[in-house]
Protein backbone atom coordinates (compact mmCIF):
# COMPACT_ATOMS: atom_id res chain seq x y z
CA MET A 1 21.38 25.17 76.59
CA SER A 2 21.47 28.61 75.04
CA ALA A 3 21.25 32.16 76.31
CA ALA A 4 18.10 34.13 75.55
CA SER A 5 16.76 37.59 76.27
CA SER A 6 13.44 38.70 77.68
CA THR A 7 12.52 39.82 74.16
CA ASP A 8 13.15 36.27 72.92
CA VAL A 9 10.84 34.94 75.62
CA VAL A 10 8.06 37.37 74.75
CA ARG A 11 8.21 36.65 71.03
CA GLN A 12 8.27 32.90 71.54
CA ARG A 13 5.40 32.96 74.02
CA LEU A 14 3.28 34.83 71.49
CA ARG A 15 3.92 32.00 69.02
CA SER A 16 3.38 29.24 71.59
CA GLN A 17 0.13 30.83 72.71
CA ALA A 18 -1.09 31.03 69.08
CA LEU A 19 -1.36 34.82 69.38
CA ALA A 20 1.16 35.46 66.61
CA GLY A 21 3.02 33.60 63.91
CA SER A 22 1.99 32.14 60.58
CA ALA A 23 -0.22 29.34 61.90
CA ALA A 24 -3.96 29.90 62.16
CA PRO A 25 -5.24 26.89 64.10
CA SER A 26 -8.89 25.93 64.43
CA PRO A 27 -10.64 26.46 67.77
CA VAL A 28 -10.19 22.78 68.64
CA ASP A 29 -6.49 23.03 67.78
CA VAL A 30 -6.21 26.03 70.10
CA VAL A 31 -7.54 24.13 73.12
CA GLU A 32 -5.45 21.07 72.24
CA ARG A 33 -2.38 23.29 72.06
CA MET A 34 -3.08 25.14 75.31
CA LEU A 35 -4.35 21.98 77.11
CA ALA A 36 -6.23 24.07 79.69
CA MET A 37 -7.62 27.61 79.44
CA GLN A 38 -9.14 29.29 82.47
CA ALA A 39 -12.90 29.51 81.96
CA GLN A 40 -14.74 30.55 85.10
CA ASP A 41 -16.11 33.42 83.00
CA LEU A 42 -17.61 31.54 80.07
CA ARG A 43 -17.94 34.55 77.76
CA TRP A 44 -14.31 35.56 78.22
CA ALA A 45 -13.16 31.96 77.79
CA LYS A 46 -14.84 31.71 74.40
CA TRP A 47 -13.02 34.86 73.26
CA ALA A 48 -9.74 33.45 74.60
CA VAL A 49 -10.17 30.56 72.17
CA ALA A 50 -11.31 32.71 69.26
CA ILE A 51 -8.57 35.37 69.51
CA ARG A 52 -6.12 32.52 68.88
CA SER A 53 -8.07 31.37 65.83
CA PRO A 54 -8.83 34.50 63.77
CA GLY A 55 -12.17 34.41 62.02
CA THR A 56 -13.75 32.19 64.66
CA THR A 57 -17.15 33.36 65.88
CA GLU A 58 -18.87 32.80 69.20
CA ALA A 59 -21.25 30.43 67.41
CA ASP A 60 -18.28 28.34 66.27
CA VAL A 61 -17.03 27.95 69.83
CA ASP A 62 -20.55 27.23 71.08
CA ALA A 63 -20.87 24.38 68.59
CA LEU A 64 -17.65 22.80 69.85
CA ILE A 65 -18.76 23.08 73.48
CA ASP A 66 -22.14 21.55 72.65
CA SER A 67 -20.42 18.68 70.83
CA GLY A 68 -18.23 17.76 73.80
CA ARG A 69 -14.98 18.36 71.90
CA ILE A 70 -14.23 21.22 74.29
CA VAL A 71 -15.18 20.44 77.88
CA ARG A 72 -15.52 22.84 80.79
CA SER A 73 -14.62 21.39 84.16
CA TRP A 74 -12.27 21.76 87.15
CA PRO A 75 -9.03 20.03 86.06
CA MET A 76 -6.71 22.02 88.35
CA ARG A 77 -6.47 24.84 90.90
CA GLY A 78 -10.12 24.29 91.79
CA THR A 79 -10.95 26.59 88.87
CA LEU A 80 -13.05 26.04 85.77
CA HIS A 81 -11.06 25.52 82.56
CA PHE A 82 -11.66 24.53 78.96
CA VAL A 83 -9.84 21.29 78.18
CA PRO A 84 -9.89 18.79 75.32
CA GLY A 85 -12.50 16.29 76.49
CA HIS A 86 -10.37 13.18 76.03
CA GLU A 87 -7.55 14.63 78.17
CA LEU A 88 -9.59 15.46 81.27
CA THR A 89 -9.51 12.12 83.09
CA TRP A 90 -5.73 11.79 83.34
CA MET A 91 -5.45 15.42 84.41
CA LEU A 92 -7.93 14.81 87.22
CA SER A 93 -6.00 11.74 88.32
CA LEU A 94 -3.00 13.99 89.02
CA THR A 95 -4.69 17.00 90.55
CA THR A 96 -7.68 15.64 92.47
CA PRO A 97 -5.88 14.08 95.47
CA ARG A 98 -4.17 17.33 96.43
CA LEU A 99 -7.27 19.45 95.86
CA TRP A 100 -9.39 16.96 97.78
CA ALA A 101 -7.00 17.13 100.74
CA GLY A 102 -6.92 20.90 100.56
CA SER A 103 -10.71 21.13 100.74
CA ALA A 104 -11.05 18.85 103.79
CA ARG A 105 -11.60 21.72 106.22
CA ARG A 106 -14.29 23.28 104.02
CA ARG A 107 -16.05 19.90 103.74
CA ARG A 108 -16.13 19.65 107.52
CA GLU A 109 -17.50 23.18 107.82
CA LEU A 110 -20.30 22.28 105.39
CA ASP A 111 -20.85 18.87 107.01
CA LEU A 112 -20.08 17.04 103.77
CA ASP A 113 -18.55 13.68 104.58
CA GLU A 114 -17.55 11.04 102.05
CA ALA A 115 -20.72 9.02 102.62
CA LEU A 116 -22.86 12.04 101.71
CA ILE A 117 -20.78 12.79 98.64
CA GLU A 118 -21.21 9.19 97.50
CA ARG A 119 -24.96 9.49 98.01
CA ALA A 120 -24.90 12.58 95.80
CA ARG A 121 -22.88 10.64 93.21
CA THR A 122 -25.52 7.92 93.17
CA VAL A 123 -28.24 10.51 92.60
CA ALA A 124 -26.20 12.11 89.79
CA VAL A 125 -25.82 8.80 87.97
CA GLU A 126 -29.51 7.98 88.42
CA VAL A 127 -30.88 11.30 87.14
CA LEU A 128 -28.32 11.92 84.36
CA SER A 129 -27.77 8.48 82.86
CA GLY A 130 -28.88 7.96 79.30
CA GLY A 131 -27.66 11.31 78.06
CA ARG A 132 -29.84 13.48 80.29
CA GLN A 133 -28.53 16.92 81.21
CA LEU A 134 -29.80 19.21 83.93
CA SER A 135 -29.28 22.82 84.90
CA ARG A 136 -27.52 23.49 88.16
CA ALA A 137 -30.82 24.45 89.80
CA ASP A 138 -32.61 21.33 88.56
CA PHE A 139 -29.77 19.08 89.67
CA LEU A 140 -29.81 20.60 93.16
CA THR A 141 -33.57 20.03 93.26
CA GLU A 142 -32.95 16.34 92.54
CA LEU A 143 -30.49 16.19 95.42
CA GLU A 144 -33.05 17.76 97.73
CA ARG A 145 -35.69 15.26 96.61
CA SER A 146 -33.30 12.49 97.60
CA GLY A 147 -32.93 13.91 101.08
CA ILE A 148 -29.60 15.72 100.54
CA ASP A 149 -29.45 19.28 101.83
CA ALA A 150 -28.00 21.34 98.96
CA SER A 151 -28.66 24.76 100.41
CA GLY A 152 -26.09 27.55 100.63
CA GLN A 153 -22.61 26.53 99.53
CA ARG A 154 -23.32 22.82 100.00
CA GLY A 155 -24.78 22.45 96.52
CA TYR A 156 -21.83 24.11 94.80
CA HIS A 157 -19.32 22.00 96.70
CA LEU A 158 -21.17 18.78 95.96
CA ILE A 159 -21.12 19.59 92.23
CA TRP A 160 -17.44 20.51 92.46
CA HIS A 161 -16.49 17.29 94.26
CA LEU A 162 -18.44 15.16 91.81
CA ALA A 163 -16.75 16.90 88.89
CA GLN A 164 -13.32 16.80 90.52
CA SER A 165 -13.63 13.04 90.90
CA GLY A 166 -14.68 12.52 87.28
CA THR A 167 -18.44 12.00 87.56
CA LEU A 168 -19.80 15.33 86.33
CA CYS A 169 -18.79 18.01 83.86
CA TRP A 170 -20.57 20.87 82.14
CA GLY A 171 -22.25 19.90 78.87
CA ARG A 172 -24.36 21.68 76.30
CA GLN A 173 -25.55 25.25 76.66
CA VAL A 174 -29.07 26.56 77.06
CA GLY A 175 -29.09 30.32 76.85
CA ALA A 176 -26.34 31.72 79.04
CA GLN A 177 -25.91 28.61 81.19
CA GLN A 178 -24.45 25.16 80.76
CA LEU A 179 -26.09 21.94 81.83
CA LEU A 180 -24.54 19.28 84.03
CA THR A 181 -23.89 15.89 82.48
CA LEU A 182 -22.05 12.65 83.18
CA LEU A 183 -18.46 12.92 81.98
CA GLN A 184 -18.19 9.29 80.89
CA GLU A 185 -21.26 9.64 78.66
CA TRP A 186 -20.45 13.13 77.36
CA VAL A 187 -16.85 12.14 76.51
CA PRO A 188 -16.81 8.33 76.16
CA VAL A 189 -13.20 8.06 74.94
CA HIS A 190 -10.39 9.08 77.30
CA ARG A 191 -6.61 8.77 77.21
CA ALA A 192 -5.15 6.52 79.89
CA LEU A 193 -1.69 7.45 81.18
CA GLU A 194 0.46 6.04 83.98
CA PRO A 195 1.26 8.57 86.77
CA ASP A 196 4.82 9.48 85.69
CA GLU A 197 3.81 9.46 82.04
CA ALA A 198 0.90 11.77 82.88
CA LEU A 199 3.20 14.18 84.73
CA GLY A 200 5.53 14.32 81.74
CA GLU A 201 2.60 14.89 79.40
CA PHE A 202 1.27 17.64 81.65
CA LEU A 203 4.56 19.53 81.51
CA LEU A 204 5.08 18.94 77.79
CA ARG A 205 1.62 20.20 76.91
CA TYR A 206 2.01 23.21 79.19
CA LEU A 207 5.28 24.16 77.51
CA THR A 208 3.78 23.59 74.05
CA GLY A 209 1.10 26.19 74.71
CA HIS A 210 2.96 28.47 77.13
CA GLY A 211 6.71 28.03 76.66
CA PRO A 212 9.32 29.13 77.25
CA ALA A 213 8.52 28.82 80.93
CA THR A 214 10.14 27.63 84.13
CA VAL A 215 9.40 24.51 86.13
CA ALA A 216 8.13 26.83 88.88
CA ASP A 217 5.69 28.38 86.38
CA PHE A 218 4.40 24.89 85.57
CA ALA A 219 4.08 23.85 89.22
CA TRP A 220 2.06 27.01 89.95
CA TRP A 221 -0.14 26.63 86.87
CA ALA A 222 -0.90 22.94 87.35
CA GLN A 223 -0.82 23.12 91.16
CA VAL A 224 1.40 20.08 91.41
CA THR A 225 4.07 19.70 94.07
CA GLY A 226 7.69 20.61 93.50
CA ALA A 227 8.56 16.91 93.63
CA GLN A 228 5.98 16.13 90.95
CA ALA A 229 7.30 18.95 88.77
CA LYS A 230 10.83 17.53 89.04
CA VAL A 231 9.56 14.09 88.01
CA ALA A 232 7.76 15.65 85.05
CA LEU A 233 10.96 17.39 83.94
CA ALA A 234 13.00 14.18 84.26
CA VAL A 235 10.46 12.24 82.18
CA ILE A 236 10.55 14.61 79.19
CA ARG A 237 13.94 16.30 79.55
CA PRO A 238 15.29 14.86 76.25
CA ARG A 239 12.33 16.41 74.44
CA LEU A 240 13.03 19.93 75.65
CA VAL A 241 15.25 22.86 74.76
CA GLU A 242 16.64 24.93 77.63
CA TRP A 243 17.01 28.69 77.48
CA GLN A 244 18.95 30.59 80.12
CA VAL A 245 17.29 33.93 80.76
CA ASP A 246 19.08 36.05 83.38
CA GLY A 247 20.46 32.86 84.90
CA VAL A 248 17.07 31.11 85.12
CA SER A 249 16.24 27.97 83.12
CA HIS A 250 13.26 28.27 80.80
CA TYR A 251 12.10 25.32 78.69
CA LEU A 252 10.21 24.71 75.48
CA PRO A 253 9.70 21.60 73.34
CA VAL A 254 12.32 20.75 70.74
CA THR A 255 9.44 20.76 68.23
CA ALA A 256 8.57 24.41 68.98
CA ASP A 257 8.54 26.76 66.00
CA THR A 258 11.25 29.26 66.84
CA ALA A 259 12.00 30.31 63.27
CA SER A 260 8.80 31.89 61.94
CA HIS A 261 8.42 35.61 62.36
CA ALA A 262 6.30 36.49 65.39
CA TRP A 263 4.37 39.17 63.53
CA SER A 264 3.63 37.32 60.29
CA ARG A 265 -0.08 36.57 60.76
CA PRO A 266 -2.39 38.72 58.57
CA GLY A 267 -3.83 41.55 60.64
CA ARG A 268 -1.32 40.91 63.39
CA GLY A 269 1.57 43.11 62.30
CA ARG A 270 4.37 44.21 64.59
CA ASP A 271 2.46 47.21 65.97
CA ALA A 272 -0.89 45.43 66.19
CA VAL A 273 -2.85 45.52 69.44
CA LEU A 274 -4.56 42.43 70.83
CA ALA A 275 -7.64 42.82 73.01
CA LEU A 276 -7.12 39.89 75.37
CA PRO A 277 -10.06 38.68 77.45
CA GLY A 278 -10.17 38.71 81.21
CA PHE A 279 -8.27 35.82 82.81
CA ASP A 280 -6.27 35.19 79.64
CA GLU A 281 -3.53 32.55 79.75
CA TYR A 282 -0.96 34.94 78.28
CA TYR A 283 -0.93 36.87 81.54
CA LEU A 284 -2.42 34.45 84.04
CA GLY A 285 -0.60 31.29 82.93
CA TYR A 286 2.71 31.98 84.69
CA GLN A 287 3.88 32.46 88.24
CA ASP A 288 6.29 35.18 87.05
CA ARG A 289 4.36 37.71 84.94
CA ARG A 290 7.09 40.29 84.40
CA PHE A 291 7.55 39.25 80.78
CA ALA A 292 3.96 40.33 80.04
CA ALA A 293 3.74 43.55 82.04
CA ASP A 294 5.78 46.00 84.07
CA PRO A 295 5.48 45.21 87.79
CA ALA A 296 4.25 48.77 88.33
CA ASP A 297 1.20 47.92 86.19
CA PHE A 298 0.26 44.67 87.95
CA ASP A 299 -2.37 46.37 90.11
CA ARG A 300 -3.96 47.86 87.02
CA VAL A 301 -4.48 44.41 85.54
CA VAL A 302 -5.48 42.76 88.83
CA PRO A 303 -6.93 45.64 90.89
CA GLY A 304 -6.56 45.08 94.59
CA LYS A 305 -4.87 41.73 93.88
CA ASN A 306 -8.30 40.15 94.32
CA GLY A 307 -7.89 37.42 91.70
CA ILE A 308 -9.95 39.25 89.06
CA PHE A 309 -7.81 39.61 85.92
CA LEU A 310 -9.12 42.43 83.72
CA PRO A 311 -9.19 42.19 79.93
CA ALA A 312 -5.88 43.59 78.69
CA LEU A 313 -4.56 45.41 75.65
CA LEU A 314 -1.35 43.90 74.32
CA ARG A 315 1.22 45.49 72.01
CA HIS A 316 4.60 43.93 71.18
CA GLY A 317 3.69 41.19 73.67
CA ARG A 318 3.40 43.64 76.56
CA VAL A 319 0.30 44.83 78.41
CA ILE A 320 -0.21 48.50 77.56
CA GLY A 321 -3.71 48.98 78.98
CA THR A 322 -7.01 47.37 79.86
CA TRP A 323 -10.47 47.54 78.35
CA ARG A 324 -14.02 47.38 79.58
CA ARG A 325 -17.05 45.53 78.30
CA GLU A 326 -20.59 46.39 79.34
CA TRP A 327 -23.13 43.79 78.34
CA LYS A 328 -26.81 44.73 78.20
CA PRO A 329 -29.65 42.85 76.45
CA ARG A 330 -29.76 45.27 73.51
CA LEU A 331 -26.41 47.02 73.74
CA ILE A 332 -22.81 45.90 74.15
CA THR A 333 -20.16 48.56 74.60
CA VAL A 334 -16.40 48.23 74.80
CA GLN A 335 -13.98 50.92 75.87
CA PRO A 336 -10.17 50.92 75.87
CA GLN A 337 -8.21 52.28 78.80
CA PRO A 338 -4.55 52.54 77.74
CA PHE A 339 -2.02 53.23 80.47
CA ALA A 340 -0.58 56.15 78.47
CA PRO A 341 -2.03 58.46 75.79
CA GLU A 342 -1.93 56.87 72.33
CA THR A 343 -0.89 58.42 69.05
CA PRO A 344 -3.55 58.42 66.32
CA ALA A 345 -1.85 55.43 64.71
CA GLU A 346 -1.75 53.53 67.99
CA ALA A 347 -5.39 54.36 68.67
CA GLN A 348 -6.29 52.98 65.26
CA HIS A 349 -4.66 49.65 66.11
CA THR A 350 -6.55 49.52 69.42
CA ASP A 351 -9.83 50.25 67.64
CA ARG A 352 -9.13 47.42 65.17
CA ALA A 353 -8.52 44.99 68.03
CA LEU A 354 -11.84 45.83 69.67
CA ARG A 355 -13.68 45.55 66.38
CA GLU A 356 -12.17 42.08 65.97
CA TYR A 357 -13.92 41.20 69.22
CA ALA A 358 -17.17 42.62 67.81
CA ARG A 359 -16.84 40.41 64.72
CA PHE A 360 -16.40 37.40 66.98
CA LEU A 361 -19.70 38.19 68.74
CA ASP A 362 -21.43 38.77 65.39
CA ARG A 363 -23.76 41.32 66.99
CA PRO A 364 -23.79 45.11 67.33
CA VAL A 365 -21.00 46.43 69.52
CA THR A 366 -20.28 50.12 70.18
CA VAL A 367 -16.61 51.07 70.65
CA LEU A 368 -16.43 54.04 73.01
CA PRO A 369 -13.60 56.60 73.08
CA SER A 370 -10.62 55.60 75.17
CA ILE A 371 -10.06 56.58 78.79
CA ASN A 372 -6.40 57.15 79.59
CA GLY A 373 -5.52 55.25 82.72
C-alpha cells in the first residue's frame, strides 16, 4: 500500500485509458484493454476507440466491427457496449441474472412471458442461422409473421432479452445501421470461465483499462453486487497494487505502467487538449467522477442529469469544456465550448484536437469558433 495524490490518479488513469503515454495500441488492443466501452451512440463509440489509437480512421473501426473482432451488445447495465467478441459470453453469464430480474416488471407490463421470449428465440435461430443477418425492422417483421406481436416497445425488449441471454448481437453494418446476427455464429470462439474466476477477470480487466479505481467504482460500472465485487477483489488481490488516496483504497494491476511519462505520446504534449466523444469511459466509467471534473461542472457535462454525457474537452486530464457536433448529409460542423475563455495558445490546442477528429472521419469537417460556456 502506498499513498497517492489526486494528480497521481489522473495521470495514471490517462495511461490506463490509453489516452496518454508512449504506447499507441491498435483499435483491437484498445477494446481488449478497456474490455467494455459504452456504445449506445455508435458514431461516438467509434471515436472513443480511435482517440485511443492515434491515426485510426472510422473506416478502420468499421472493418473491425464488420469482422466480428469488436462486438456491440448489452454486456452490462442494460446498455450497449463495444466488447472483444470472445469475452462477451462470460460477461453475460455474470450480469444477465440481475438484469433479467430487474426487468421483470417491464416484461409484465409488455406481456412478455418466458414462453413468448423462447418463441422469439426459436424464430431468431430459424431466420438467422447460416450466417444470415437482418436489420432490426426486418427481424421484427419475421417475428410478426410468426405470430409474435412486436409493436411498440415489445420488439426492442425482445431483441434486448435475446441478446442479453447470448442469442443475438449486432453484426455487420449497412449504411448507418447494424444488422442482427446470431452471436454463436458471428463469434464462434468464446472464453469459458468459472463464476469466481470470471468475477476476478472482470475486476482485473476493469482496472487494467480504468485504474486506479475503487471497488465501488467497479461495482457501479459492471453493475454487480457488493458481495460479488468483494469476491472479485479476493480472487485477484495478489495481482493488484493498492493506492491510498485521501484515505480511500484505489487499485491497479501490478503490471500497470506507472513509470512512463503521461505526456510522452507524439501530439499529446502536457498542454494538449483531447476532444473526447460523448459517453466516454474516461468520465462515465467511474461512480466518483471528481478526478475528471470539478463537481460544479458536472451539470455542464451531463445537463439536467438526464444520462446524456456530452462530448468533453480534456486538458491535463481534467474536463475544461464541451464541444458540439452537427451532422448533416453534406456538412459536418464541430464547435468547442470551453468553460472559461482560452488564451490563443490554448485555443490552438483545442483546434488541433477537433481537427484530429476530422482526420478520423476522413471527410470535410468545419471547425467553428468557440462559444465560451
